[in-house]
Amino acid sequence: MDAFADKPQFDTLILSDLHLGADMSRAHEALQVLQQDGYRRLILLGDIFADLNFGRLKKEHWKFLGYIRKLSNPKRHVEVVWVEGNHDHGLAEIMSHLVGVRVYQEYRWNYQGIRHIAVHGHQFDDFSVSNVHLSYWVGTRFYLQLQKWDSKNKVLTRFLDRLNTRWLRLSSKVAAGALAHARRHGATRIFCGHTHDALHRREDGADYYNCGAWIDERLTYITVGEGGVQIHEYVEKPERSHEAGDRNTAKHELVEHDLFWGEDHVIADADFAEISQEPELLKQGK
């Protein structure tokens, strides 16, 4: 059964700040969200990569990219949009070839007569804009190395990420800048990432939403549909038991699993192999 064969559950699903290549990236969980929900449009709202070094990517990171490549197939009838983040800068040409999606600096669309804008949000972060090289070398490179030194649960790294957001007052700065940007361009809703802090703020008739991130214990994403805009928190589903002592139940569960995931679950490894064997592209990313 194809999750996209029937009428999509949502008009748009938005996911941000996956940071593929980082030890903390929760690509496996993000892939589960993309596979289980139906949507007409997928917006990857920036910082999908941690940096330009594709050598850091793990198997689950390649599987996520493989699924994006499959979604971009016109037969899927899903519009896949990649909005560039500060960590994705310079990847537009590579991503267009690698996973078949167009990369935007900012994406706008209309739904139910409402104008929407999706932009990563670093544009409203004065420190990030003014200190691009310092942010990369001191921030990104040090942060990635710190993850390798940190404990298995990345307690210190996650603490520093939250402290950085509060110290720089990123959430309030990005929200204020985004709302002003929305009003200038006649948009009612604007969506950002960058701060790693899921948030909704309404001001002067405009709504600001932040997607949060996929590197912390709290994993969030946004949907836009007939019921409005919702911020969802990913909740890990318990593993099914396939103990030998209950084979009938195990068989029934396995059949349900195959029917739900269909070809998506099976083809993931093939997609992973296909896009990970692009040596010339990988060299460009390093």
Protein backbone atom coordinates (compact mmCIF):
# COMPACT_ATOMS: atom_id res chain seq x y z
CA MET A 1 0.00 0.00 0.00
CA ASP A 2 1.38 3.41 -0.99
CA ALA A 3 1.01 6.03 1.72
CA PHE A 4 0.45 8.63 -1.01
CA ALA A 5 -2.10 6.70 -3.09
CA ASP A 6 -5.13 8.21 -1.33
CA LYS A 7 -5.92 11.86 -0.68
CA PRO A 8 -3.03 13.34 1.34
CA GLN A 9 -3.72 13.95 5.01
CA PHE A 10 -1.98 17.34 4.88
CA ASP A 11 -1.30 19.99 2.26
CA THR A 12 2.23 20.59 3.55
CA LEU A 13 4.69 18.97 5.94
CA ILE A 14 7.66 21.07 7.09
CA LEU A 15 10.83 19.68 8.70
CA SER A 16 13.95 21.64 9.60
CA ASP A 17 17.45 21.34 11.10
CA LEU A 18 18.14 17.65 10.68
CA HIS A 19 21.92 18.27 10.51
CA LEU A 20 22.84 15.12 8.58
CA GLY A 21 26.45 14.26 9.28
CA ALA A 22 26.24 15.22 12.95
CA ASP A 23 26.35 12.47 15.57
CA MET A 24 23.17 13.89 17.12
CA SER A 25 21.14 13.81 13.90
CA ARG A 26 17.93 11.78 14.30
CA ALA A 27 17.58 10.85 10.62
CA HIS A 28 15.96 7.47 11.35
CA GLU A 29 13.11 9.09 13.27
CA ALA A 30 12.68 11.84 10.66
CA LEU A 31 12.39 9.19 7.95
CA GLN A 32 9.64 7.46 9.92
CA VAL A 33 7.63 10.70 9.98
CA LEU A 34 7.98 11.16 6.22
CA GLN A 35 6.89 7.57 5.61
CA GLN A 36 3.89 7.52 7.91
CA ASP A 37 2.19 10.84 7.02
CA GLY A 38 0.48 11.76 3.75
CA TYR A 39 1.16 15.23 2.30
CA ARG A 40 1.03 17.03 -1.02
CA ARG A 41 4.11 19.14 -0.38
CA LEU A 42 7.26 18.55 1.68
CA ILE A 43 9.40 21.52 2.71
CA LEU A 44 12.89 20.80 4.03
CA LEU A 45 13.43 24.10 5.79
CA GLY A 46 17.20 24.37 5.90
CA ASP A 47 20.21 22.97 7.75
CA ILE A 48 19.40 19.49 6.54
CA PHE A 49 23.18 19.02 6.56
CA ALA A 50 25.57 19.81 9.39
CA ASP A 51 28.26 20.98 6.96
CA LEU A 52 29.54 20.30 3.45
CA ASN A 53 31.61 17.24 4.37
CA PHE A 54 29.61 14.29 3.02
CA GLY A 55 32.20 11.93 4.51
CA ARG A 56 30.42 12.38 7.85
CA LEU A 57 27.15 10.91 6.57
CA LYS A 58 26.08 7.61 8.11
CA LYS A 59 23.95 4.91 6.54
CA GLU A 60 20.73 6.23 8.07
CA HIS A 61 21.57 9.69 6.69
CA TRP A 62 21.93 8.28 3.18
CA LYS A 63 18.65 6.40 3.61
CA PHE A 64 16.89 9.66 4.42
CA LEU A 65 18.34 11.26 1.27
CA GLY A 66 17.35 8.20 -0.73
CA TYR A 67 13.76 8.57 0.37
CA ILE A 68 13.79 12.27 -0.57
CA ARG A 69 15.05 11.30 -4.00
CA LYS A 70 12.19 8.84 -4.40
CA LEU A 71 9.61 11.38 -3.22
CA SER A 72 10.82 13.83 -5.87
CA ASN A 73 9.78 11.38 -8.61
CA PRO A 74 6.84 13.00 -10.49
CA LYS A 75 4.87 9.75 -10.14
CA ARG A 76 4.65 10.43 -6.41
CA HIS A 77 2.72 13.66 -6.93
CA VAL A 78 4.56 15.23 -4.00
CA GLU A 79 6.20 18.62 -4.40
CA VAL A 80 9.56 18.51 -2.59
CA VAL A 81 11.02 21.90 -1.70
CA TRP A 82 14.47 22.45 -0.20
CA VAL A 83 15.01 25.87 1.43
CA GLU A 84 18.68 26.64 1.95
CA GLY A 85 19.93 27.11 5.52
CA ASN A 86 23.21 28.58 6.69
CA HIS A 87 24.70 25.08 7.00
CA ASP A 88 23.45 24.10 3.51
CA HIS A 89 25.05 27.08 1.78
CA GLY A 90 26.75 26.02 -1.45
CA LEU A 91 24.81 22.78 -1.91
CA ALA A 92 22.12 23.93 -4.36
CA GLU A 93 23.67 22.41 -7.49
CA ILE A 94 24.74 19.23 -5.72
CA MET A 95 21.31 18.63 -4.18
CA SER A 96 19.48 19.28 -7.44
CA HIS A 97 21.48 16.47 -9.03
CA LEU A 98 21.76 14.16 -6.05
CA VAL A 99 18.15 14.01 -4.90
CA GLY A 100 16.31 15.73 -7.73
CA VAL A 101 14.91 18.73 -5.84
CA ARG A 102 15.16 22.46 -6.43
CA VAL A 103 16.78 24.58 -3.73
CA TYR A 104 15.28 27.96 -2.80
CA GLN A 105 16.46 30.84 -0.64
CA GLU A 106 12.83 31.45 0.26
CA TYR A 107 9.64 29.65 -0.77
CA ARG A 108 6.14 31.15 -1.00
CA TRP A 109 2.79 29.49 -1.64
CA ASN A 110 -0.93 30.07 -1.23
CA TYR A 111 -3.29 27.69 0.54
CA GLN A 112 -6.95 28.30 1.39
CA GLY A 113 -6.53 31.89 0.26
CA ILE A 114 -3.69 32.47 2.75
CA ARG A 115 -0.17 33.52 1.73
CA HIS A 116 2.61 31.45 3.32
CA ILE A 117 6.38 32.01 3.43
CA ALA A 118 9.07 29.47 4.33
CA VAL A 119 12.58 30.79 5.02
CA HIS A 120 15.26 29.18 7.18
CA GLY A 121 15.59 32.11 9.58
CA HIS A 122 19.34 32.76 9.80
CA GLN A 123 18.65 35.89 7.75
CA PHE A 124 17.11 37.37 10.92
CA ASP A 125 20.08 36.36 13.10
CA ASP A 126 22.46 39.34 13.10
CA PHE A 127 25.37 37.37 14.58
CA SER A 128 25.10 34.61 11.98
CA VAL A 129 24.91 37.09 9.08
CA SER A 130 27.77 39.28 10.32
CA ASN A 131 30.12 36.46 11.34
CA VAL A 132 29.72 33.79 8.66
CA HIS A 133 33.29 32.44 8.82
CA LEU A 134 33.57 32.70 12.60
CA SER A 135 30.25 30.93 12.98
CA TYR A 136 31.45 28.09 10.75
CA TRP A 137 34.90 27.49 12.23
CA VAL A 138 34.20 28.20 15.89
CA GLY A 139 30.57 27.15 15.91
CA THR A 140 29.99 24.35 13.40
CA ARG A 141 33.41 22.67 13.33
CA PHE A 142 33.93 22.83 17.10
CA TYR A 143 30.34 21.73 17.74
CA LEU A 144 30.73 18.66 15.49
CA GLN A 145 33.99 17.70 17.19
CA LEU A 146 32.44 18.20 20.63
CA GLN A 147 29.74 15.66 19.76
CA LYS A 148 32.43 13.01 19.27
CA TRP A 149 33.94 13.77 22.70
CA ASP A 150 30.59 13.96 24.45
CA SER A 151 28.79 11.09 26.20
CA LYS A 152 26.53 8.66 24.37
CA ASN A 153 23.43 10.72 25.24
CA LYS A 154 25.15 13.98 24.17
CA VAL A 155 24.13 15.68 27.41
CA LEU A 156 26.76 18.44 27.23
CA THR A 157 26.25 19.15 23.53
CA ARG A 158 22.49 19.46 23.90
CA PHE A 159 22.89 21.70 26.94
CA LEU A 160 25.22 24.03 25.02
CA ASP A 161 22.81 24.11 22.07
CA ARG A 162 19.94 25.23 24.32
CA LEU A 163 22.21 27.70 26.17
CA ASN A 164 23.36 29.19 22.86
CA THR A 165 19.75 29.75 21.77
CA ARG A 166 18.89 31.52 25.04
CA TRP A 167 22.16 33.49 25.34
CA LEU A 168 21.86 34.94 21.84
CA ARG A 169 18.07 35.30 22.32
CA LEU A 170 17.71 33.63 18.95
CA SER A 171 14.07 32.65 19.33
CA SER A 172 12.86 36.20 19.97
CA LYS A 173 15.20 37.76 17.38
CA VAL A 174 14.25 35.37 14.60
CA ALA A 175 10.54 35.59 15.46
CA ALA A 176 10.59 39.41 15.38
CA GLY A 177 12.51 39.51 12.10
CA ALA A 178 10.32 36.87 10.48
CA LEU A 179 7.05 38.58 11.47
CA ALA A 180 8.30 41.90 10.07
CA HIS A 181 9.30 40.09 6.86
CA ALA A 182 5.86 38.48 6.59
CA ARG A 183 4.09 41.81 6.98
CA ARG A 184 6.30 43.45 4.32
CA HIS A 185 5.37 40.74 1.84
CA GLY A 186 1.70 40.45 2.68
CA ALA A 187 1.95 36.96 4.20
CA THR A 188 -0.29 35.72 7.00
CA ARG A 189 1.94 32.79 8.00
CA ILE A 190 5.73 32.49 8.04
CA PHE A 191 7.76 29.39 8.92
CA CYS A 192 11.38 29.22 10.05
CA GLY A 193 13.93 26.85 11.56
CA HIS A 194 17.46 27.81 12.69
CA THR A 195 16.79 28.34 16.42
CA HIS A 196 16.10 24.63 17.20
CA ASP A 197 13.21 25.85 19.35
CA ALA A 198 9.65 24.95 18.25
CA LEU A 199 7.47 28.00 18.70
CA HIS A 200 4.27 29.78 17.62
CA ARG A 201 3.84 33.53 17.98
CA ARG A 202 1.03 35.74 16.69
CA GLU A 203 1.45 39.47 16.19
CA ASP A 204 -0.55 42.10 14.25
CA GLY A 205 -2.51 39.49 12.29
CA ALA A 206 0.52 37.42 11.26
CA ASP A 207 1.57 34.02 12.60
CA TYR A 208 5.18 32.90 13.07
CA TYR A 209 5.98 29.20 13.42
CA ASN A 210 9.34 27.58 14.14
CA CYS A 211 9.82 23.92 13.27
CA GLY A 212 12.32 23.07 15.99
CA ALA A 213 15.05 20.54 15.19
CA TRP A 214 15.98 16.86 14.91
CA ILE A 215 19.11 16.77 17.06
CA ASP A 216 17.59 16.94 20.54
CA GLU A 217 15.37 14.76 22.69
CA ARG A 218 12.35 16.83 21.60
CA LEU A 219 11.82 16.23 17.87
CA THR A 220 9.24 18.43 16.17
CA TYR A 221 7.77 19.15 12.76
CA ILE A 222 4.89 21.19 11.33
CA THR A 223 1.88 20.35 9.19
CA VAL A 224 -0.44 22.67 7.29
CA GLY A 225 -3.85 21.32 6.36
CA GLU A 226 -7.59 21.81 6.53
CA GLY A 227 -7.37 21.89 10.32
CA GLY A 228 -4.85 24.74 10.24
CA VAL A 229 -1.20 24.70 11.32
CA GLN A 230 0.01 22.19 13.91
CA ILE A 231 3.35 21.68 15.62
CA HIS A 232 3.81 17.96 16.19
CA GLU A 233 6.22 16.25 18.56
CA TYR A 234 7.59 12.93 17.39
CA VAL A 235 6.84 10.08 19.76
CA GLU A 236 8.81 6.90 19.22
CA LYS A 237 6.61 3.87 18.67
CA PRO A 238 7.42 0.74 20.72
CA GLU A 239 9.13 -2.07 18.86
CA ARG A 240 6.90 -4.95 17.92
CA SER A 241 7.66 -8.31 19.49
CA HIS A 242 8.37 -11.24 17.17
CA GLU A 243 9.12 -13.84 19.81
CA ALA A 244 9.15 -17.47 18.66
CA GLY A 245 6.54 -18.37 21.30
CA ASP A 246 3.88 -16.29 19.54
CA ARG A 247 4.47 -16.92 15.85
CA ASN A 248 0.90 -16.34 14.71
CA THR A 249 0.83 -12.86 16.23
CA ALA A 250 4.29 -12.17 14.84
CA LYS A 251 3.21 -13.18 11.34
CA HIS A 252 0.10 -10.99 11.53
CA GLU A 253 2.14 -7.98 12.67
CA LEU A 254 4.71 -8.52 9.93
CA VAL A 255 2.02 -8.60 7.24
CA GLU A 256 0.52 -5.36 8.57
CA HIS A 257 3.97 -3.79 8.57
CA ASP A 258 4.63 -4.77 4.94
CA LEU A 259 1.23 -3.53 3.80
CA PHE A 260 1.75 -0.18 5.49
CA TRP A 261 5.30 0.50 4.38
CA GLY A 262 4.94 -1.19 1.00
CA GLU A 263 7.84 -0.60 -1.37
CA ASP A 264 9.21 2.29 0.71
CA HIS A 265 10.72 0.04 3.36
CA VAL A 266 12.23 -2.35 0.81
CA ILE A 267 13.66 0.18 -1.62
CA ALA A 268 15.38 2.31 1.03
CA ASP A 269 18.62 0.31 0.83
CA ALA A 270 18.62 0.46 -2.96
CA ASP A 271 18.18 4.23 -2.90
CA PHE A 272 20.95 4.51 -0.31
CA ALA A 273 23.32 2.53 -2.55
CA GLU A 274 22.42 4.54 -5.64
CA ILE A 275 23.01 8.02 -4.28
CA SER A 276 26.02 7.09 -2.13
CA GLN A 277 27.91 6.00 -5.26
CA GLU A 278 28.20 9.49 -6.72
CA PRO A 279 31.96 10.03 -6.21
CA GLU A 280 32.25 13.28 -8.14
CA LEU A 281 29.41 14.86 -6.21
CA LEU A 282 30.80 13.70 -2.89
CA LYS A 283 34.16 15.30 -3.70
CA GLN A 284 32.39 18.62 -4.27
CA GLY A 285 30.87 18.42 -0.82
CA LYS A 286 34.17 18.06 1.00
